[in-house]
Protein backbone atom coordinates (compact mmCIF):
# COMPACT_ATOMS: atom_id res chain seq x y z
CA MET A 1 -68.88 -105.41 -43.46
CA LYS A 2 -70.17 -107.83 -40.80
CA ALA A 3 -70.22 -106.74 -37.36
CA LEU A 4 -66.45 -107.15 -35.87
CA LYS A 5 -66.28 -109.45 -33.09
CA SER A 6 -62.61 -109.37 -32.37
CA PHE A 7 -59.86 -106.68 -31.98
CA PRO A 8 -59.72 -105.00 -35.50
CA PHE A 9 -56.99 -106.40 -37.56
CA ALA A 10 -56.01 -102.66 -38.76
CA ALA A 11 -55.69 -101.63 -34.72
CA ILE A 12 -52.74 -104.08 -33.85
CA LEU A 13 -50.03 -102.44 -33.44
CA GLY A 14 -45.48 -103.78 -33.85
CA GLN A 15 -46.01 -107.09 -35.52
CA GLU A 16 -46.04 -106.00 -39.37
CA GLU A 17 -44.33 -109.05 -40.63
CA MET A 18 -46.86 -111.47 -38.66
CA LYS A 19 -49.89 -109.60 -40.50
CA LEU A 20 -48.09 -109.41 -43.54
CA ALA A 21 -47.60 -113.21 -43.67
CA LEU A 22 -51.16 -113.86 -43.01
CA GLN A 23 -52.34 -111.63 -45.77
CA LEU A 24 -50.43 -113.40 -48.27
CA ASN A 25 -51.58 -116.10 -47.30
CA VAL A 26 -55.10 -115.31 -47.80
CA VAL A 27 -53.98 -113.80 -51.18
CA ASP A 28 -52.49 -117.52 -52.43
CA PRO A 29 -53.55 -120.01 -49.94
CA LYS A 30 -51.11 -122.26 -52.11
CA ILE A 31 -48.59 -120.51 -49.87
CA GLY A 32 -48.80 -123.10 -47.27
CA GLY A 33 -49.75 -121.41 -44.16
CA VAL A 34 -47.81 -119.39 -41.56
CA MET A 35 -46.44 -121.19 -38.21
CA ILE A 36 -45.90 -118.09 -35.63
CA MET A 37 -43.53 -118.54 -32.83
CA GLY A 38 -43.19 -116.03 -30.03
CA ASP A 39 -42.77 -114.78 -26.39
CA ARG A 40 -46.16 -115.26 -24.38
CA GLY A 41 -48.87 -111.77 -24.70
CA THR A 42 -47.06 -110.89 -27.89
CA GLY A 43 -50.55 -110.82 -29.80
CA LYS A 44 -50.18 -114.04 -31.87
CA SER A 45 -53.89 -115.64 -30.88
CA THR A 46 -55.11 -111.83 -31.04
CA THR A 47 -53.91 -111.02 -34.54
CA ILE A 48 -55.14 -114.54 -35.95
CA ARG A 49 -58.40 -114.11 -34.90
CA ALA A 50 -58.65 -110.33 -35.84
CA LEU A 51 -57.96 -112.07 -39.45
CA ALA A 52 -61.07 -113.32 -39.38
CA ASP A 53 -63.02 -110.43 -39.50
CA LEU A 54 -61.18 -109.58 -43.06
CA LEU A 55 -62.07 -112.97 -44.85
CA PRO A 56 -64.19 -112.46 -47.72
CA LYS A 57 -67.40 -114.19 -48.34
CA ILE A 58 -67.73 -117.56 -50.40
CA LEU A 59 -70.79 -119.47 -51.98
CA ILE A 60 -71.66 -122.81 -50.58
CA VAL A 61 -74.03 -125.26 -51.14
CA LYS A 62 -76.73 -124.70 -48.10
CA ASN A 63 -76.56 -126.36 -45.01
CA ASP A 64 -73.46 -128.34 -46.52
CA PRO A 65 -71.18 -130.08 -43.67
CA PHE A 66 -67.96 -129.46 -46.15
CA ASN A 67 -68.60 -126.06 -47.58
CA ALA A 68 -68.72 -127.69 -51.27
CA ASP A 69 -68.40 -125.13 -53.86
CA PRO A 70 -71.19 -124.77 -56.29
CA SER A 71 -69.49 -124.10 -58.91
CA LEU A 72 -67.82 -127.41 -58.64
CA LEU A 73 -71.33 -129.00 -59.28
CA GLN A 74 -72.71 -130.86 -62.20
CA ASN A 75 -75.50 -129.65 -61.66
CA PRO A 76 -75.45 -126.48 -59.21
CA ASP A 77 -79.09 -125.21 -60.39
CA GLU A 78 -80.33 -128.23 -58.47
CA TYR A 79 -78.94 -127.20 -55.26
CA GLU A 80 -80.00 -124.36 -53.03
CA ILE A 81 -77.01 -121.77 -52.22
CA GLU A 82 -75.61 -119.64 -49.54
CA SER A 83 -72.98 -116.84 -49.18
CA ILE A 84 -71.07 -117.30 -45.86
CA GLN A 85 -67.92 -115.64 -44.31
CA ILE A 86 -64.98 -117.80 -45.14
CA PRO A 87 -64.93 -120.13 -42.01
CA MET A 88 -62.30 -119.65 -39.59
CA VAL A 89 -62.16 -122.74 -37.74
CA GLU A 90 -59.73 -123.31 -34.16
CA LEU A 91 -58.51 -126.74 -32.81
CA PRO A 92 -58.49 -126.86 -28.99
CA LEU A 93 -55.18 -128.19 -27.68
CA GLY A 94 -57.14 -131.76 -26.46
CA ALA A 95 -58.80 -132.41 -29.64
CA THR A 96 -58.88 -136.43 -30.51
CA GLU A 97 -58.59 -137.53 -33.63
CA ASP A 98 -62.33 -138.14 -34.35
CA ARG A 99 -63.12 -134.78 -33.61
CA VAL A 100 -60.06 -133.34 -35.93
CA CYS A 101 -60.59 -136.30 -39.11
CA GLY A 102 -64.75 -136.82 -38.38
CA SER A 103 -65.84 -140.51 -36.91
CA ILE A 104 -67.51 -143.34 -38.85
CA ASN A 105 -70.46 -144.93 -37.28
CA LEU A 106 -70.22 -148.48 -37.61
CA LYS A 107 -73.36 -149.63 -36.49
CA GLU A 108 -75.41 -147.39 -38.73
CA VAL A 109 -73.20 -148.68 -41.99
CA LEU A 110 -74.09 -152.25 -41.32
CA ALA A 111 -77.66 -151.08 -40.65
CA GLY A 112 -77.69 -149.64 -44.23
CA GLY A 113 -78.01 -145.90 -42.86
CA ASN A 114 -77.02 -142.81 -44.46
CA ASN A 115 -75.83 -140.48 -41.75
CA SER A 116 -72.66 -143.01 -41.13
CA PHE A 117 -69.91 -140.56 -41.15
CA GLU A 118 -69.91 -137.62 -38.61
CA PRO A 119 -67.85 -134.80 -39.99
CA GLY A 120 -64.77 -133.60 -37.76
CA LEU A 121 -63.01 -130.02 -37.78
CA LEU A 122 -61.49 -130.56 -41.03
CA ALA A 123 -64.72 -130.16 -42.57
CA ARG A 124 -65.94 -127.13 -41.45
CA ALA A 125 -62.42 -125.84 -42.16
CA ASN A 126 -62.81 -126.60 -46.26
CA ARG A 127 -62.20 -123.69 -47.85
CA GLY A 128 -61.31 -121.62 -44.95
CA VAL A 129 -58.66 -121.36 -42.01
CA LEU A 130 -57.63 -123.76 -39.85
CA TYR A 131 -55.79 -122.38 -36.58
CA VAL A 132 -53.84 -124.41 -34.02
CA ASP A 133 -52.65 -122.48 -31.22
CA GLU A 134 -49.72 -124.04 -28.77
CA ILE A 135 -49.25 -126.50 -31.63
CA ASN A 136 -45.81 -127.46 -30.70
CA LEU A 137 -47.88 -129.17 -27.80
CA LEU A 138 -50.30 -130.80 -30.01
CA ASP A 139 -49.89 -134.84 -30.65
CA ASP A 140 -47.35 -135.02 -33.62
CA HIS A 141 -49.72 -137.68 -35.29
CA LEU A 142 -52.43 -134.95 -35.21
CA VAL A 143 -49.89 -132.28 -36.36
CA ASP A 144 -49.20 -134.78 -39.61
CA ILE A 145 -52.89 -135.28 -40.24
CA LEU A 146 -53.30 -131.62 -40.59
CA LEU A 147 -50.38 -131.33 -42.68
CA ASP A 148 -51.05 -134.04 -45.04
CA SER A 149 -54.52 -132.78 -45.41
CA ALA A 150 -53.27 -129.28 -45.98
CA ALA A 151 -51.00 -130.18 -48.50
CA SER A 152 -53.17 -132.50 -50.68
CA GLY A 153 -56.59 -130.82 -49.71
CA TRP A 154 -58.43 -134.02 -48.85
CA ASN A 155 -58.93 -136.12 -45.68
CA THR A 156 -59.68 -139.77 -45.37
CA VAL A 157 -60.83 -142.02 -42.68
CA GLU A 158 -60.39 -145.26 -42.30
CA ARG A 159 -62.30 -147.83 -39.63
CA GLU A 160 -62.40 -151.87 -39.83
CA GLY A 161 -61.78 -151.54 -43.95
CA ILE A 162 -64.48 -148.39 -44.35
CA SER A 163 -62.88 -145.47 -46.08
CA ILE A 164 -64.58 -141.99 -46.61
CA ARG A 165 -62.93 -139.36 -48.25
CA HIS A 166 -63.57 -135.39 -48.25
CA PRO A 167 -62.39 -132.19 -49.46
CA ALA A 168 -60.06 -130.27 -47.05
CA LYS A 169 -58.52 -127.43 -48.29
CA PHE A 170 -57.71 -124.64 -45.64
CA ILE A 171 -54.70 -122.30 -44.74
CA LEU A 172 -52.96 -124.01 -41.62
CA VAL A 173 -52.07 -121.42 -39.14
CA GLY A 174 -49.84 -122.71 -36.02
CA SER A 175 -48.72 -120.63 -32.94
CA GLY A 176 -46.41 -121.21 -30.04
CA ASN A 177 -43.86 -120.51 -27.66
CA PRO A 178 -40.45 -121.63 -28.75
CA GLU A 179 -39.95 -122.06 -24.38
CA GLU A 180 -42.34 -124.77 -24.26
CA GLY A 181 -41.14 -127.16 -27.43
CA GLU A 182 -40.11 -126.64 -31.02
CA LEU A 183 -41.62 -128.77 -33.69
CA ARG A 184 -39.79 -131.48 -35.73
CA PRO A 185 -37.71 -130.10 -38.72
CA GLN A 186 -39.61 -132.24 -41.01
CA LEU A 187 -43.44 -130.91 -39.64
CA LEU A 188 -41.62 -127.44 -39.47
CA ASP A 189 -40.71 -127.43 -43.56
CA ARG A 190 -44.04 -128.55 -44.10
CA PHE A 191 -45.06 -124.73 -43.41
CA GLY A 192 -45.17 -122.18 -46.50
CA MET A 193 -44.03 -119.20 -43.72
CA HIS A 194 -42.35 -119.32 -40.39
CA ILE A 195 -42.52 -116.10 -38.24
CA GLU A 196 -40.86 -115.37 -35.13
CA ILE A 197 -42.24 -112.43 -32.73
CA ARG A 198 -40.73 -111.12 -29.55
CA THR A 199 -41.89 -108.87 -26.90
CA ILE A 200 -41.73 -105.11 -28.43
CA ARG A 201 -39.00 -103.11 -26.30
CA GLU A 202 -39.44 -99.51 -27.52
CA PRO A 203 -41.10 -97.98 -24.64
CA GLU A 204 -43.22 -95.56 -26.97
CA VAL A 205 -44.83 -98.41 -28.76
CA ARG A 206 -45.73 -100.50 -25.81
CA VAL A 207 -47.49 -97.30 -24.34
CA LYS A 208 -49.56 -96.82 -27.52
CA ILE A 209 -50.08 -100.57 -27.39
CA VAL A 210 -51.62 -100.83 -23.90
CA GLU A 211 -53.23 -97.10 -24.35
CA GLU A 212 -55.08 -98.45 -27.45
CA ARG A 213 -56.26 -102.00 -26.43
CA ILE A 214 -58.13 -100.00 -23.01
CA SER A 215 -59.74 -97.76 -24.99
CA PHE A 216 -61.16 -100.83 -26.97
CA ASP A 217 -62.23 -102.47 -23.84
CA LYS A 218 -63.91 -99.48 -22.70
CA ASN A 219 -66.29 -99.16 -25.46
CA PRO A 220 -65.68 -101.53 -28.23
CA LYS A 221 -68.54 -100.31 -30.51
CA ALA A 222 -66.56 -97.05 -30.80
CA TRP A 223 -63.28 -98.70 -31.55
CA PHE A 224 -64.72 -100.89 -34.23
CA GLU A 225 -66.50 -97.72 -36.00
CA LYS A 226 -62.96 -95.74 -35.61
CA TYR A 227 -61.37 -98.60 -37.36
CA ALA A 228 -64.16 -99.56 -39.89
CA SER A 229 -62.89 -97.57 -42.96
CA GLN A 230 -59.66 -99.49 -42.64
CA GLN A 231 -60.59 -102.79 -42.15
CA THR A 232 -62.82 -102.55 -45.26
CA ASP A 233 -59.52 -100.83 -47.12
CA ILE A 234 -57.76 -104.07 -45.93
CA GLN A 235 -60.27 -106.56 -47.35
CA GLU A 236 -60.96 -104.70 -50.56
CA ARG A 237 -57.12 -104.82 -51.09
CA LEU A 238 -57.10 -108.79 -50.23
CA LEU A 239 -59.67 -109.02 -52.59
CA ARG A 240 -58.07 -106.99 -55.50
CA ALA A 241 -54.71 -108.96 -55.36
CA GLN A 242 -56.77 -112.54 -55.02
CA GLN A 243 -58.42 -110.90 -58.72
CA LEU A 244 -54.66 -109.84 -59.79
CA LEU A 245 -52.65 -112.70 -58.72
CA PRO A 246 -53.02 -114.81 -61.86
CA LYS A 247 -51.68 -112.08 -63.84
CA VAL A 248 -48.43 -111.32 -61.85
CA ASN A 249 -44.76 -112.33 -63.78
CA MET A 250 -41.43 -112.90 -62.28
CA LYS A 251 -38.50 -113.07 -64.71
CA GLU A 252 -36.94 -116.06 -65.18
CA GLY A 253 -33.55 -114.73 -63.66
CA TYR A 254 -35.37 -113.92 -60.13
CA GLN A 255 -36.67 -117.65 -60.28
CA PHE A 256 -33.05 -118.96 -61.10
CA LYS A 257 -31.94 -116.80 -58.29
CA ILE A 258 -34.10 -118.08 -56.02
CA SER A 259 -33.57 -121.44 -56.54
CA HIS A 260 -29.29 -120.83 -56.29
CA LEU A 261 -29.77 -119.47 -53.29
CA CYS A 262 -32.01 -122.03 -51.84
CA SER A 263 -29.09 -124.47 -53.16
CA GLU A 264 -26.21 -122.58 -51.28
CA LEU A 265 -27.88 -122.39 -48.42
CA GLY A 266 -28.22 -126.63 -48.42
CA ILE A 267 -32.34 -126.48 -48.56
CA GLU A 268 -33.53 -129.88 -48.64
CA GLY A 269 -36.40 -130.50 -51.40
CA LEU A 270 -38.16 -127.85 -54.05
CA ARG A 271 -40.53 -127.12 -51.51
CA GLY A 272 -38.63 -123.73 -50.50
CA ASP A 273 -38.00 -122.79 -53.50
CA LEU A 274 -41.90 -122.85 -54.60
CA VAL A 275 -42.61 -120.98 -51.57
CA ALA A 276 -40.61 -118.18 -52.31
CA MET A 277 -41.94 -117.76 -55.40
CA ARG A 278 -45.45 -117.93 -54.55
CA ALA A 279 -44.59 -115.36 -51.82
CA ALA A 280 -42.95 -112.71 -54.00
CA LYS A 281 -45.88 -112.76 -56.68
CA ALA A 282 -48.92 -112.29 -53.51
CA LEU A 283 -46.73 -109.58 -52.04
CA THR A 284 -46.39 -108.08 -55.92
CA ALA A 285 -50.30 -108.39 -55.90
CA PHE A 286 -50.98 -107.59 -52.80
CA GLU A 287 -49.01 -104.21 -53.82
CA ASN A 288 -51.34 -103.82 -56.86
CA ARG A 289 -48.51 -104.73 -59.59
CA THR A 290 -48.14 -106.93 -61.89
CA GLN A 291 -44.79 -107.80 -62.33
CA VAL A 292 -42.53 -108.96 -59.74
CA GLU A 293 -39.55 -106.69 -58.32
CA LEU A 294 -36.28 -107.47 -56.44
CA LYS A 295 -37.82 -105.51 -53.03
CA ASP A 296 -40.88 -108.41 -53.07
CA ILE A 297 -38.42 -111.39 -53.23
CA GLN A 298 -36.30 -109.29 -50.42
CA ARG A 299 -39.18 -108.81 -48.12
CA THR A 300 -40.64 -112.07 -48.08
CA ILE A 301 -37.66 -114.73 -48.90
CA SER A 302 -36.62 -114.90 -45.20
CA LEU A 303 -39.86 -115.74 -43.85
CA CYS A 304 -39.98 -118.76 -46.46
CA LEU A 305 -36.49 -120.30 -45.70
CA ARG A 306 -35.19 -119.26 -42.42
CA HIS A 307 -36.92 -122.57 -40.76
CA ARG A 308 -35.84 -124.44 -43.51
CA LEU A 309 -31.85 -123.75 -42.97
CA ARG A 310 -29.79 -126.34 -41.24
CA LYS A 311 -28.31 -125.29 -37.39
CA ASP A 312 -24.93 -124.21 -37.55
CA PRO A 313 -23.77 -127.09 -34.78
CA MET A 314 -20.83 -124.56 -33.75
CA GLY A 315 -23.23 -121.57 -33.52
CA SER A 316 -20.75 -119.65 -35.34
CA ILE A 317 -23.34 -117.45 -37.28
CA HIS A 318 -27.18 -116.82 -37.14
CA SER A 319 -28.82 -118.60 -39.44
CA GLY A 320 -30.84 -115.21 -40.80
CA GLU A 321 -27.58 -113.37 -40.81
CA LYS A 322 -26.01 -116.00 -43.44
CA LEU A 323 -29.64 -115.83 -45.39
CA GLU A 324 -29.24 -111.98 -45.98
CA LYS A 325 -25.42 -112.13 -46.69
CA LEU A 326 -25.97 -114.98 -49.77
CA PHE A 327 -29.22 -112.74 -51.03
CA GLU A 328 -26.63 -109.89 -51.11
CA LYS A 329 -24.39 -112.07 -53.23
CA ILE A 330 -26.99 -113.62 -55.63
CA PHE A 331 -29.16 -111.08 -55.96
CA VAL A 332 -27.24 -107.46 -55.63
CA GLY A 333 -24.10 -109.14 -56.54
CA LYS A 334 -22.29 -107.81 -53.26
CA ASN A 335 -19.71 -110.17 -52.10
CA ILE A 336 -19.87 -109.67 -48.08
């Protein structure tokens, strides 16, 4: 493995749901990314940045600004190939549309030059991870662009009748503090998974986290060495799961029950159905199995559906509780 740059992913305590969601999106990027909302100081950014050290390597055309995949080229032998770590790109809060999408140099175009397009962050993030901290403070127009690119796998830049299109396939990860504003429901629905994290209350766990952080700050090198084998194990597990994923099967009955649950919950569209199936299969592969079991669906379905639920205007029942009760009724047969 390469030298670690951030706090080790394996050393992060108390946020297992967030860690699981991130890893499942690495196993199957088609899940559609993760939105992580929680209190300040709960390790959102630390955990996401730590994921970068676990990302496997990919082959690209050397010095290509879009991280082009050589296997998709007609004559790959004509290009010089290099191996790089899957890119992790962070989008700064004050980024402009040109910085995100790229810009077209009209003067260069009119002069017949070849360097008419300046790639943006979406080009750098192609085949990687795009992380947006405080995404709920980002301009809605930019959020729309990010979500459209993440869903389609393409970025289109148009200026004065000139159009340039390039691949932009990436895992979109957003984080934010709900006290500073929520995303519009239409945008929130576009994220595959949604994680709600809170400050850890158990004194023993808090003490352990503080001790770990102090030890890390005192001697990062020794800390990396301490967790090196665990980091390698996680990385190998992710690679194995990616390879196993195409072989994973789900019973038709489970697929029907997922759709039944989504229907009963009044979830609009079919994105929830699809993401819930993908997540259960990704977890199955992550657990080194090829047949989806009830526990796989039970462990992931809340992450995929709770942000798609309509809020109860009377506040008479918590949305998570409603989901759990319906799950028991439809999947287990318990009429609670």
